[in-house]
Structures are given as C-alpha cells and as structure tokens.
Full PDB file with SEQRES, HELIX, SHEET, SSBOND, CRYST1, ORIGX, SCALE, CONECT and MASTER records, all heavy atoms in Angstrom:
SEQRES   1 A   38  ILE GLY ASP ALA SER ASP ASN LEU ASN PHE ALA TYR ALA          
SEQRES   2 A   38  ASN GLY LYS ALA ASP PHE ILE THR LEU CYS HIS GLN ASP          
SEQRES   3 A   38  ASP TYR TYR ALA PRO GLU TYR LEU GLU TYR VAL SER              
HELIX    1 AA1 ALA A    4  ALA A   13  1                                  10    
HELIX    2 AA2 TYR A   33  VAL A   37  1                                   5    
CRYST1    1.000    1.000    1.000  90.00  90.00  90.00 P 1           1          
ORIGX1      1.000000  0.000000  0.000000        0.00000                         
ORIGX2      0.000000  1.000000  0.000000        0.00000                         
ORIGX3      0.000000  0.000000  1.000000        0.00000                         
SCALE1      1.000000  0.000000  0.000000        0.00000                         
SCALE2      0.000000  1.000000  0.000000        0.00000                         
SCALE3      0.000000  0.000000  1.000000        0.00000                         
ATOM      1  N   ILE A   1      69.453   5.503 -99.176  1.00  0.00           N  
ATOM      2  CA  ILE A   1      69.958   5.327-100.542  1.00  0.00           C  
ATOM      3  C   ILE A   1      68.904   4.679-101.439  1.00  0.00           C  
ATOM      4  O   ILE A   1      68.757   5.049-102.601  1.00  0.00           O  
ATOM      5  CB  ILE A   1      71.258   4.518-100.526  1.00  0.00           C  
ATOM      6  CG1 ILE A   1      72.360   5.282 -99.779  1.00  0.00           C  
ATOM      7  CG2 ILE A   1      71.699   4.183-101.973  1.00  0.00           C  
ATOM      8  CD1 ILE A   1      73.627   4.504 -99.557  1.00  0.00           C  
ATOM      9  N   GLY A   2      68.243   3.670-100.956  1.00  0.00           N  
ATOM     10  CA  GLY A   2      67.126   3.089-101.694  1.00  0.00           C  
ATOM     11  C   GLY A   2      67.469   2.065-102.744  1.00  0.00           C  
ATOM     12  O   GLY A   2      66.642   1.735-103.575  1.00  0.00           O  
ATOM     13  N   ASP A   3      68.736   1.548-102.752  1.00  0.00           N  
ATOM     14  CA  ASP A   3      69.028   0.455-103.671  1.00  0.00           C  
ATOM     15  C   ASP A   3      68.573  -0.833-103.039  1.00  0.00           C  
ATOM     16  O   ASP A   3      68.070  -0.874-101.878  1.00  0.00           O  
ATOM     17  CB  ASP A   3      70.504   0.436-104.063  1.00  0.00           C  
ATOM     18  CG  ASP A   3      71.448   0.214-102.885  1.00  0.00           C  
ATOM     19  OD1 ASP A   3      70.970  -0.153-101.816  1.00  0.00           O  
ATOM     20  OD2 ASP A   3      72.654   0.421-103.050  1.00  0.00           O  
ATOM     21  N   ALA A   4      68.756  -1.978-103.727  1.00  0.00           N  
ATOM     22  CA  ALA A   4      68.235  -3.231-103.265  1.00  0.00           C  
ATOM     23  C   ALA A   4      68.769  -3.626-101.884  1.00  0.00           C  
ATOM     24  O   ALA A   4      68.038  -4.050-100.996  1.00  0.00           O  
ATOM     25  CB  ALA A   4      68.512  -4.342-104.276  1.00  0.00           C  
ATOM     26  N   SER A   5      70.095  -3.509-101.705  1.00  0.00           N  
ATOM     27  CA  SER A   5      70.686  -3.904-100.443  1.00  0.00           C  
ATOM     28  C   SER A   5      70.220  -3.001 -99.305  1.00  0.00           C  
ATOM     29  O   SER A   5      69.876  -3.472 -98.198  1.00  0.00           O  
ATOM     30  CB  SER A   5      72.222  -3.823-100.543  1.00  0.00           C  
ATOM     31  OG  SER A   5      72.691  -4.769-101.504  1.00  0.00           O  
ATOM     32  N   ASP A   6      70.187  -1.705 -99.545  1.00  0.00           N  
ATOM     33  CA  ASP A   6      69.734  -0.774 -98.504  1.00  0.00           C  
ATOM     34  C   ASP A   6      68.273  -1.017 -98.179  1.00  0.00           C  
ATOM     35  O   ASP A   6      67.900  -0.951 -96.999  1.00  0.00           O  
ATOM     36  CB  ASP A   6      69.914   0.664 -99.047  1.00  0.00           C  
ATOM     37  CG  ASP A   6      69.496   1.704 -98.019  1.00  0.00           C  
ATOM     38  OD1 ASP A   6      70.058   1.681 -96.885  1.00  0.00           O  
ATOM     39  OD2 ASP A   6      68.646   2.559 -98.322  1.00  0.00           O  
ATOM     40  N   ASN A   7      67.450  -1.327 -99.150  1.00  0.00           N  
ATOM     41  CA  ASN A   7      66.025  -1.571 -98.899  1.00  0.00           C  
ATOM     42  C   ASN A   7      65.857  -2.808 -98.028  1.00  0.00           C  
ATOM     43  O   ASN A   7      65.005  -2.836 -97.124  1.00  0.00           O  
ATOM     44  CB  ASN A   7      65.273  -1.742-100.219  1.00  0.00           C  
ATOM     45  CG  ASN A   7      65.055  -0.407-100.923  1.00  0.00           C  
ATOM     46  OD1 ASN A   7      65.084   0.649-100.308  1.00  0.00           O  
ATOM     47  ND2 ASN A   7      64.890  -0.471-102.232  1.00  0.00           N  
ATOM     48  N   LEU A   8      66.588  -3.854 -98.303  1.00  0.00           N  
ATOM     49  CA  LEU A   8      66.501  -5.088 -97.525  1.00  0.00           C  
ATOM     50  C   LEU A   8      66.994  -4.885 -96.115  1.00  0.00           C  
ATOM     51  O   LEU A   8      66.364  -5.316 -95.126  1.00  0.00           O  
ATOM     52  CB  LEU A   8      67.227  -6.223 -98.187  1.00  0.00           C  
ATOM     53  CG  LEU A   8      66.602  -6.758 -99.484  1.00  0.00           C  
ATOM     54  CD1 LEU A   8      67.573  -7.623-100.236  1.00  0.00           C  
ATOM     55  CD2 LEU A   8      65.332  -7.557 -99.120  1.00  0.00           C  
ATOM     56  N   ASN A   9      68.101  -4.169 -95.955  1.00  0.00           N  
ATOM     57  CA  ASN A   9      68.612  -3.870 -94.602  1.00  0.00           C  
ATOM     58  C   ASN A   9      67.639  -3.036 -93.808  1.00  0.00           C  
ATOM     59  O   ASN A   9      67.408  -3.256 -92.600  1.00  0.00           O  
ATOM     60  CB  ASN A   9      69.987  -3.151 -94.709  1.00  0.00           C  
ATOM     61  CG  ASN A   9      71.095  -4.067 -95.182  1.00  0.00           C  
ATOM     62  OD1 ASN A   9      71.059  -5.266 -94.926  1.00  0.00           O  
ATOM     63  ND2 ASN A   9      72.074  -3.497 -95.819  1.00  0.00           N  
ATOM     64  N   PHE A  10      67.024  -2.034 -94.466  1.00  0.00           N  
ATOM     65  CA  PHE A  10      66.041  -1.181 -93.817  1.00  0.00           C  
ATOM     66  C   PHE A  10      64.802  -2.002 -93.395  1.00  0.00           C  
ATOM     67  O   PHE A  10      64.322  -1.838 -92.268  1.00  0.00           O  
ATOM     68  CB  PHE A  10      65.614  -0.067 -94.782  1.00  0.00           C  
ATOM     69  CG  PHE A  10      64.486   0.787 -94.268  1.00  0.00           C  
ATOM     70  CD1 PHE A  10      64.740   1.870 -93.408  1.00  0.00           C  
ATOM     71  CD2 PHE A  10      63.173   0.543 -94.666  1.00  0.00           C  
ATOM     72  CE1 PHE A  10      63.688   2.637 -92.955  1.00  0.00           C  
ATOM     73  CE2 PHE A  10      62.136   1.320 -94.182  1.00  0.00           C  
ATOM     74  CZ  PHE A  10      62.389   2.395 -93.328  1.00  0.00           C  
ATOM     75  N   ALA A  11      64.317  -2.840 -94.291  1.00  0.00           N  
ATOM     76  CA  ALA A  11      63.155  -3.635 -93.993  1.00  0.00           C  
ATOM     77  C   ALA A  11      63.379  -4.538 -92.778  1.00  0.00           C  
ATOM     78  O   ALA A  11      62.538  -4.663 -91.884  1.00  0.00           O  
ATOM     79  CB  ALA A  11      62.774  -4.487 -95.209  1.00  0.00           C  
ATOM     80  N   TYR A  12      64.563  -5.140 -92.748  1.00  0.00           N  
ATOM     81  CA  TYR A  12      64.874  -6.065 -91.636  1.00  0.00           C  
ATOM     82  C   TYR A  12      65.047  -5.272 -90.317  1.00  0.00           C  
ATOM     83  O   TYR A  12      64.525  -5.672 -89.284  1.00  0.00           O  
ATOM     84  CB  TYR A  12      66.153  -6.811 -91.959  1.00  0.00           C  
ATOM     85  CG  TYR A  12      66.431  -7.922 -90.959  1.00  0.00           C  
ATOM     86  CD1 TYR A  12      65.788  -9.143 -91.065  1.00  0.00           C  
ATOM     87  CD2 TYR A  12      67.387  -7.795 -89.968  1.00  0.00           C  
ATOM     88  CE1 TYR A  12      66.031 -10.193 -90.195  1.00  0.00           C  
ATOM     89  CE2 TYR A  12      67.645  -8.809 -89.070  1.00  0.00           C  
ATOM     90  CZ  TYR A  12      66.969  -9.995 -89.191  1.00  0.00           C  
ATOM     91  OH  TYR A  12      67.188 -11.036 -88.307  1.00  0.00           O  
ATOM     92  N   ALA A  13      65.755  -4.164 -90.369  1.00  0.00           N  
ATOM     93  CA  ALA A  13      66.011  -3.388 -89.172  1.00  0.00           C  
ATOM     94  C   ALA A  13      64.714  -2.868 -88.554  1.00  0.00           C  
ATOM     95  O   ALA A  13      64.615  -2.719 -87.337  1.00  0.00           O  
ATOM     96  CB  ALA A  13      66.942  -2.227 -89.498  1.00  0.00           C  
ATOM     97  N   ASN A  14      63.726  -2.582 -89.392  1.00  0.00           N  
ATOM     98  CA  ASN A  14      62.473  -2.000 -88.897  1.00  0.00           C  
ATOM     99  C   ASN A  14      61.375  -3.046 -88.646  1.00  0.00           C  
ATOM    100  O   ASN A  14      60.260  -2.672 -88.293  1.00  0.00           O  
ATOM    101  CB  ASN A  14      61.981  -0.927 -89.870  1.00  0.00           C  
ATOM    102  CG  ASN A  14      62.809   0.337 -89.782  1.00  0.00           C  
ATOM    103  OD1 ASN A  14      62.575   1.191 -88.973  1.00  0.00           O  
ATOM    104  ND2 ASN A  14      63.830   0.431 -90.679  1.00  0.00           N  
ATOM    105  N   GLY A  15      61.724  -4.287 -88.844  1.00  0.00           N  
ATOM    106  CA  GLY A  15      60.779  -5.365 -88.533  1.00  0.00           C  
ATOM    107  C   GLY A  15      60.847  -5.704 -87.067  1.00  0.00           C  
ATOM    108  O   GLY A  15      61.910  -6.164 -86.561  1.00  0.00           O  
ATOM    109  N   LYS A  16      59.766  -5.487 -86.342  1.00  0.00           N  
ATOM    110  CA  LYS A  16      59.770  -5.715 -84.884  1.00  0.00           C  
ATOM    111  C   LYS A  16      59.062  -7.039 -84.588  1.00  0.00           C  
ATOM    112  O   LYS A  16      57.846  -7.093 -84.411  1.00  0.00           O  
ATOM    113  CB  LYS A  16      59.071  -4.554 -84.201  1.00  0.00           C  
ATOM    114  CG  LYS A  16      59.597  -3.156 -84.578  1.00  0.00           C  
ATOM    115  CD  LYS A  16      61.090  -3.013 -84.317  1.00  0.00           C  
ATOM    116  CE  LYS A  16      61.593  -1.618 -84.679  1.00  0.00           C  
ATOM    117  NZ  LYS A  16      63.072  -1.479 -84.557  1.00  0.00           N  
ATOM    118  N   ALA A  17      59.845  -8.084 -84.541  1.00  0.00           N  
ATOM    119  CA  ALA A  17      59.341  -9.401 -84.223  1.00  0.00           C  
ATOM    120  C   ALA A  17      60.491 -10.327 -83.909  1.00  0.00           C  
ATOM    121  O   ALA A  17      61.648 -10.031 -84.213  1.00  0.00           O  
ATOM    122  CB  ALA A  17      58.518  -9.959 -85.403  1.00  0.00           C  
ATOM    123  N   ASP A  18      60.186 -11.442 -83.273  1.00  0.00           N  
ATOM    124  CA  ASP A  18      61.237 -12.427 -82.959  1.00  0.00           C  
ATOM    125  C   ASP A  18      61.695 -13.168 -84.211  1.00  0.00           C  
ATOM    126  O   ASP A  18      62.853 -13.528 -84.327  1.00  0.00           O  
ATOM    127  CB  ASP A  18      60.716 -13.434 -81.933  1.00  0.00           C  
ATOM    128  CG  ASP A  18      60.449 -12.795 -80.559  1.00  0.00           C  
ATOM    129  OD1 ASP A  18      61.056 -11.735 -80.269  1.00  0.00           O  
ATOM    130  OD2 ASP A  18      59.614 -13.327 -79.798  1.00  0.00           O  
ATOM    131  N   PHE A  19      60.751 -13.408 -85.141  1.00  0.00           N  
ATOM    132  CA  PHE A  19      61.071 -14.112 -86.388  1.00  0.00           C  
ATOM    133  C   PHE A  19      60.561 -13.274 -87.593  1.00  0.00           C  
ATOM    134  O   PHE A  19      59.404 -12.791 -87.536  1.00  0.00           O  
ATOM    135  CB  PHE A  19      60.455 -15.500 -86.407  1.00  0.00           C  
ATOM    136  CG  PHE A  19      61.067 -16.442 -85.426  1.00  0.00           C  
ATOM    137  CD1 PHE A  19      60.517 -16.542 -84.128  1.00  0.00           C  
ATOM    138  CD2 PHE A  19      62.162 -17.213 -85.748  1.00  0.00           C  
ATOM    139  CE1 PHE A  19      61.118 -17.410 -83.197  1.00  0.00           C  
ATOM    140  CE2 PHE A  19      62.742 -18.054 -84.822  1.00  0.00           C  
ATOM    141  CZ  PHE A  19      62.200 -18.151 -83.548  1.00  0.00           C  
ATOM    142  N   ILE A  20      61.396 -13.119 -88.574  1.00  0.00           N  
ATOM    143  CA  ILE A  20      61.065 -12.257 -89.726  1.00  0.00           C  
ATOM    144  C   ILE A  20      61.334 -12.983 -91.054  1.00  0.00           C  
ATOM    145  O   ILE A  20      62.382 -13.613 -91.241  1.00  0.00           O  
ATOM    146  CB  ILE A  20      61.904 -10.967 -89.711  1.00  0.00           C  
ATOM    147  CG1 ILE A  20      61.487 -10.099 -88.501  1.00  0.00           C  
ATOM    148  CG2 ILE A  20      61.754 -10.179 -90.996  1.00  0.00           C  
ATOM    149  CD1 ILE A  20      62.273  -8.802 -88.402  1.00  0.00           C  
ATOM    150  N   THR A  21      60.351 -12.915 -91.931  1.00  0.00           N  
ATOM    151  CA  THR A  21      60.503 -13.383 -93.303  1.00  0.00           C  
ATOM    152  C   THR A  21      60.484 -12.178 -94.231  1.00  0.00           C  
ATOM    153  O   THR A  21      59.530 -11.400 -94.208  1.00  0.00           O  
ATOM    154  CB  THR A  21      59.356 -14.348 -93.701  1.00  0.00           C  
ATOM    155  OG1 THR A  21      59.259 -15.412 -92.759  1.00  0.00           O  
ATOM    156  CG2 THR A  21      59.613 -14.917 -95.102  1.00  0.00           C  
ATOM    157  N   LEU A  22      61.569 -11.999 -94.996  1.00  0.00           N  
ATOM    158  CA  LEU A  22      61.649 -10.873 -95.953  1.00  0.00           C  
ATOM    159  C   LEU A  22      61.143 -11.379 -97.291  1.00  0.00           C  
ATOM    160  O   LEU A  22      61.725 -12.249 -97.919  1.00  0.00           O  
ATOM    161  CB  LEU A  22      63.097 -10.387 -96.085  1.00  0.00           C  
ATOM    162  CG  LEU A  22      63.692  -9.605 -94.939  1.00  0.00           C  
ATOM    163  CD1 LEU A  22      65.130  -9.234 -95.237  1.00  0.00           C  
ATOM    164  CD2 LEU A  22      62.881  -8.375 -94.640  1.00  0.00           C  
ATOM    165  N   CYS A  23      60.038 -10.807 -97.730  1.00  0.00           N  
ATOM    166  CA  CYS A  23      59.376 -11.228 -98.976  1.00  0.00           C  
ATOM    167  C   CYS A  23      59.811 -10.361-100.137  1.00  0.00           C  
ATOM    168  O   CYS A  23      59.729  -9.133-100.045  1.00  0.00           O  
ATOM    169  CB  CYS A  23      57.863 -11.185 -98.840  1.00  0.00           C  
ATOM    170  SG  CYS A  23      57.209 -12.001 -97.350  1.00  0.00           S  
ATOM    171  N   HIS A  24      60.190 -10.964-101.257  1.00  0.00           N  
ATOM    172  CA  HIS A  24      60.466 -10.218-102.459  1.00  0.00           C  
ATOM    173  C   HIS A  24      59.183 -10.088-103.241  1.00  0.00           C  
ATOM    174  O   HIS A  24      58.420 -11.029-103.411  1.00  0.00           O  
ATOM    175  CB  HIS A  24      61.521 -10.947-103.307  1.00  0.00           C  
ATOM    176  CG  HIS A  24      62.852 -11.073-102.622  1.00  0.00           C  
ATOM    177  ND1 HIS A  24      63.958 -11.580-103.238  1.00  0.00           N  
ATOM    178  CD2 HIS A  24      63.209 -10.861-101.325  1.00  0.00           C  
ATOM    179  CE1 HIS A  24      64.972 -11.614-102.397  1.00  0.00           C  
ATOM    180  NE2 HIS A  24      64.562 -11.176-101.211  1.00  0.00           N  
ATOM    181  N   GLN A  25      58.895  -8.927-103.764  1.00  0.00           N  
ATOM    182  CA  GLN A  25      57.603  -8.631-104.371  1.00  0.00           C  
ATOM    183  C   GLN A  25      57.261  -9.529-105.583  1.00  0.00           C  
ATOM    184  O   GLN A  25      56.074  -9.690-105.907  1.00  0.00           O  
ATOM    185  CB  GLN A  25      57.520  -7.173-104.760  1.00  0.00           C  
ATOM    186  CG  GLN A  25      58.522  -6.778-105.851  1.00  0.00           C  
ATOM    187  CD  GLN A  25      58.507  -5.280-106.129  1.00  0.00           C  
ATOM    188  OE1 GLN A  25      57.688  -4.549-105.602  1.00  0.00           O  
ATOM    189  NE2 GLN A  25      59.430  -4.824-106.992  1.00  0.00           N  
ATOM    190  N   ASP A  26      58.252 -10.115-106.211  1.00  0.00           N  
ATOM    191  CA  ASP A  26      57.988 -10.972-107.359  1.00  0.00           C  
ATOM    192  C   ASP A  26      57.483 -12.347-106.952  1.00  0.00           C  
ATOM    193  O   ASP A  26      56.870 -13.064-107.778  1.00  0.00           O  
ATOM    194  CB  ASP A  26      59.280 -11.174-108.180  1.00  0.00           C  
ATOM    195  CG  ASP A  26      59.706  -9.932-108.929  1.00  0.00           C  
ATOM    196  OD1 ASP A  26      58.854  -9.055-109.151  1.00  0.00           O  
ATOM    197  OD2 ASP A  26      60.903  -9.809-109.299  1.00  0.00           O  
ATOM    198  N   ASP A  27      57.758 -12.725-105.712  1.00  0.00           N  
ATOM    199  CA  ASP A  27      57.553 -14.122-105.310  1.00  0.00           C  
ATOM    200  C   ASP A  27      56.255 -14.291-104.496  1.00  0.00           C  
ATOM    201  O   ASP A  27      55.662 -13.325-104.055  1.00  0.00           O  
ATOM    202  CB  ASP A  27      58.768 -14.595-104.512  1.00  0.00           C  
ATOM    203  CG  ASP A  27      60.075 -14.404-105.264  1.00  0.00           C  
ATOM    204  OD1 ASP A  27      60.056 -14.535-106.508  1.00  0.00           O  
ATOM    205  OD2 ASP A  27      61.087 -14.076-104.605  1.00  0.00           O  
ATOM    206  N   TYR A  28      55.863 -15.537-104.290  1.00  0.00           N  
ATOM    207  CA  TYR A  28      54.643 -15.788-103.470  1.00  0.00           C  
ATOM    208  C   TYR A  28      54.799 -17.113-102.762  1.00  0.00           C  
ATOM    209  O   TYR A  28      55.654 -17.939-103.060  1.00  0.00           O  
ATOM    210  CB  TYR A  28      53.401 -15.737-104.349  1.00  0.00           C  
ATOM    211  CG  TYR A  28      53.400 -16.628-105.571  1.00  0.00           C  
ATOM    212  CD1 TYR A  28      52.853 -17.905-105.564  1.00  0.00           C  
ATOM    213  CD2 TYR A  28      53.952 -16.170-106.794  1.00  0.00           C  
ATOM    214  CE1 TYR A  28      52.861 -18.705-106.692  1.00  0.00           C  
ATOM    215  CE2 TYR A  28      53.941 -16.943-107.941  1.00  0.00           C  
ATOM    216  CZ  TYR A  28      53.376 -18.202-107.880  1.00  0.00           C  
ATOM    217  OH  TYR A  28      53.374 -19.017-108.997  1.00  0.00           O  
ATOM    218  N   TYR A  29      53.929 -17.306-101.746  1.00  0.00           N  
ATOM    219  CA  TYR A  29      54.083 -18.387-100.776  1.00  0.00           C  
ATOM    220  C   TYR A  29      52.866 -19.324-100.790  1.00  0.00           C  
ATOM    221  O   TYR A  29      51.734 -18.874-100.962  1.00  0.00           O  
ATOM    222  CB  TYR A  29      54.276 -17.818 -99.388  1.00  0.00           C  
ATOM    223  CG  TYR A  29      55.522 -16.972 -99.248  1.00  0.00           C  
ATOM    224  CD1 TYR A  29      55.582 -15.658 -99.738  1.00  0.00           C  
ATOM    225  CD2 TYR A  29      56.681 -17.505 -98.699  1.00  0.00           C  
ATOM    226  CE1 TYR A  29      56.729 -14.914 -99.675  1.00  0.00           C  
ATOM    227  CE2 TYR A  29      57.850 -16.771 -98.610  1.00  0.00           C  
ATOM    228  CZ  TYR A  29      57.877 -15.461 -99.105  1.00  0.00           C  
ATOM    229  OH  TYR A  29      59.027 -14.715 -99.023  1.00  0.00           O  
ATOM    230  N   ALA A  30      53.143 -20.601-100.533  1.00  0.00           N  
ATOM    231  CA  ALA A  30      52.053 -21.546-100.309  1.00  0.00           C  
ATOM    232  C   ALA A  30      51.344 -21.187 -99.017  1.00  0.00           C  
ATOM    233  O   ALA A  30      51.971 -20.672 -98.073  1.00  0.00           O  
ATOM    234  CB  ALA A  30      52.637 -22.967-100.238  1.00  0.00           C  
ATOM    235  N   PRO A  31      50.048 -21.450 -98.912  1.00  0.00           N  
ATOM    236  CA  PRO A  31      49.288 -21.079 -97.698  1.00  0.00           C  
ATOM    237  C   PRO A  31      49.878 -21.705 -96.448  1.00  0.00           C  
ATOM    238  O   PRO A  31      49.716 -21.148 -95.340  1.00  0.00           O  
ATOM    239  CB  PRO A  31      47.882 -21.613 -97.985  1.00  0.00           C  
ATOM    240  CG  PRO A  31      47.795 -21.665 -99.486  1.00  0.00           C  
ATOM    241  CD  PRO A  31      49.160 -22.025 -99.963  1.00  0.00           C  
ATOM    242  N   GLU A  32      50.558 -22.831 -96.579  1.00  0.00           N  
ATOM    243  CA  GLU A  32      51.077 -23.564 -95.400  1.00  0.00           C  
ATOM    244  C   GLU A  32      52.496 -23.170 -95.036  1.00  0.00           C  
ATOM    245  O   GLU A  32      53.099 -23.781 -94.130  1.00  0.00           O  
ATOM    246  CB  GLU A  32      51.001 -25.068 -95.670  1.00  0.00           C  
ATOM    247  CG  GLU A  32      49.645 -25.633 -95.999  1.00  0.00           C  
ATOM    248  CD  GLU A  32      49.303 -25.479 -97.495  1.00  0.00           C  
ATOM    249  OE1 GLU A  32      50.199 -25.134 -98.283  1.00  0.00           O  
ATOM    250  OE2 GLU A  32      48.113 -25.681 -97.839  1.00  0.00           O  
ATOM    251  N   TYR A  33      53.080 -22.177 -95.758  1.00  0.00           N  
ATOM    252  CA  TYR A  33      54.478 -21.834 -95.478  1.00  0.00           C  
ATOM    253  C   TYR A  33      54.725 -21.574 -93.994  1.00  0.00           C  
ATOM    254  O   TYR A  33      55.581 -22.230 -93.389  1.00  0.00           O  
ATOM    255  CB  TYR A  33      54.855 -20.570 -96.298  1.00  0.00           C  
ATOM    256  CG  TYR A  33      56.210 -19.998 -95.892  1.00  0.00           C  
ATOM    257  CD1 TYR A  33      57.407 -20.487 -96.463  1.00  0.00           C  
ATOM    258  CD2 TYR A  33      56.312 -19.008 -94.945  1.00  0.00           C  
ATOM    259  CE1 TYR A  33      58.639 -19.987 -96.069  1.00  0.00           C  
ATOM    260  CE2 TYR A  33      57.557 -18.515 -94.533  1.00  0.00           C  
ATOM    261  CZ  TYR A  33      58.703 -18.997 -95.095  1.00  0.00           C  
ATOM    262  OH  TYR A  33      59.926 -18.494 -94.700  1.00  0.00           O  
ATOM    263  N   LEU A  34      53.977 -20.674 -93.422  1.00  0.00           N  
ATOM    264  CA  LEU A  34      54.230 -20.302 -92.013  1.00  0.00           C  
ATOM    265  C   LEU A  34      53.817 -21.422 -91.061  1.00  0.00           C  
ATOM    266  O   LEU A  34      54.412 -21.565 -89.984  1.00  0.00           O  
ATOM    267  CB  LEU A  34      53.519 -19.001 -91.667  1.00  0.00           C  
ATOM    268  CG  LEU A  34      53.890 -18.402 -90.326  1.00  0.00           C  
ATOM    269  CD1 LEU A  34      55.394 -18.167 -90.182  1.00  0.00           C  
ATOM    270  CD2 LEU A  34      53.140 -17.050 -90.107  1.00  0.00           C  
ATOM    271  N   GLU A  35      52.867 -22.215 -91.453  1.00  0.00           N  
ATOM    272  CA  GLU A  35      52.470 -23.385 -90.630  1.00  0.00           C  
ATOM    273  C   GLU A  35      53.654 -24.314 -90.449  1.00  0.00           C  
ATOM    274  O   GLU A  35      53.945 -24.758 -89.332  1.00  0.00           O  
ATOM    275  CB  GLU A  35      51.306 -24.095 -91.286  1.00  0.00           C  
ATOM    276  CG  GLU A  35      50.797 -25.304 -90.498  1.00  0.00           C  
ATOM    277  CD  GLU A  35      49.605 -25.950 -91.171  1.00  0.00           C  
ATOM    278  OE1 GLU A  35      48.900 -25.270 -91.960  1.00  0.00           O  
ATOM    279  OE2 GLU A  35      49.415 -27.157 -90.955  1.00  0.00           O  
ATOM    280  N   TYR A  36      54.333 -24.635 -91.527  1.00  0.00           N  
ATOM    281  CA  TYR A  36      55.508 -25.517 -91.438  1.00  0.00           C  
ATOM    282  C   TYR A  36      56.685 -24.843 -90.708  1.00  0.00           C  
ATOM    283  O   TYR A  36      57.378 -25.507 -89.925  1.00  0.00           O  
ATOM    284  CB  TYR A  36      55.940 -25.944 -92.840  1.00  0.00           C  
ATOM    285  CG  TYR A  36      55.157 -27.119 -93.404  1.00  0.00           C  
ATOM    286  CD1 TYR A  36      54.068 -26.902 -94.239  1.00  0.00           C  
ATOM    287  CD2 TYR A  36      55.511 -28.424 -93.092  1.00  0.00           C  
ATOM    288  CE1 TYR A  36      53.330 -27.973 -94.746  1.00  0.00           C  
ATOM    289  CE2 TYR A  36      54.800 -29.489 -93.588  1.00  0.00           C  
ATOM    290  CZ  TYR A  36      53.703 -29.266 -94.412  1.00  0.00           C  
ATOM    291  OH  TYR A  36      52.978 -30.324 -94.921  1.00  0.00           O  
ATOM    292  N   VAL A  37      56.867 -23.585 -90.975  1.00  0.00           N  
ATOM    293  CA  VAL A  37      57.943 -22.843 -90.274  1.00  0.00           C  
ATOM    294  C   VAL A  37      57.691 -22.804 -88.774  1.00  0.00           C  
ATOM    295  O   VAL A  37      58.585 -23.039 -87.973  1.00  0.00           O  
ATOM    296  CB  VAL A  37      58.104 -21.421 -90.852  1.00  0.00           C  
ATOM    297  CG1 VAL A  37      59.023 -20.589 -89.964  1.00  0.00           C  
ATOM    298  CG2 VAL A  37      58.652 -21.477 -92.269  1.00  0.00           C  
ATOM    299  N   SER A  38      56.439 -22.535 -88.413  1.00  0.00           N  
ATOM    300  CA  SER A  38      56.094 -22.473 -86.970  1.00  0.00           C  
ATOM    301  C   SER A  38      56.346 -23.813 -86.291  1.00  0.00           C  
ATOM    302  O   SER A  38      56.867 -23.870 -85.170  1.00  0.00           O  
ATOM    303  CB  SER A  38      54.626 -22.048 -86.797  1.00  0.00           C  
ATOM    304  OG  SER A  38      54.367 -20.800 -87.381  1.00  0.00           O  
TER     305      SER A  38                                                      
MASTER        0    0    0    2    0    0    0    6  304    1    0    3          
END                                                                             
C-alpha cells in the first residue's frame, strides 16, 4: 500500500537483526546514540 503505517511495518518486518532502530528521514542522531543504547 505504501502509506506511512505500511512503510514502517514493512521496514521493521524486513529488518534482520536482534535490535532495530527505525529512523524517520526528517530526523538525525547524535554520534553517541548507539553507544549509549549498546
């Protein structure tokens, strides 16, 4: 379908990892984001 909800569900379903961060294209992250999360 390609609307916002479908796109997020698709992105998550196709992410192959134990931990997933879904990034919105408007936003951005501090360099240490994943360091603190890890």
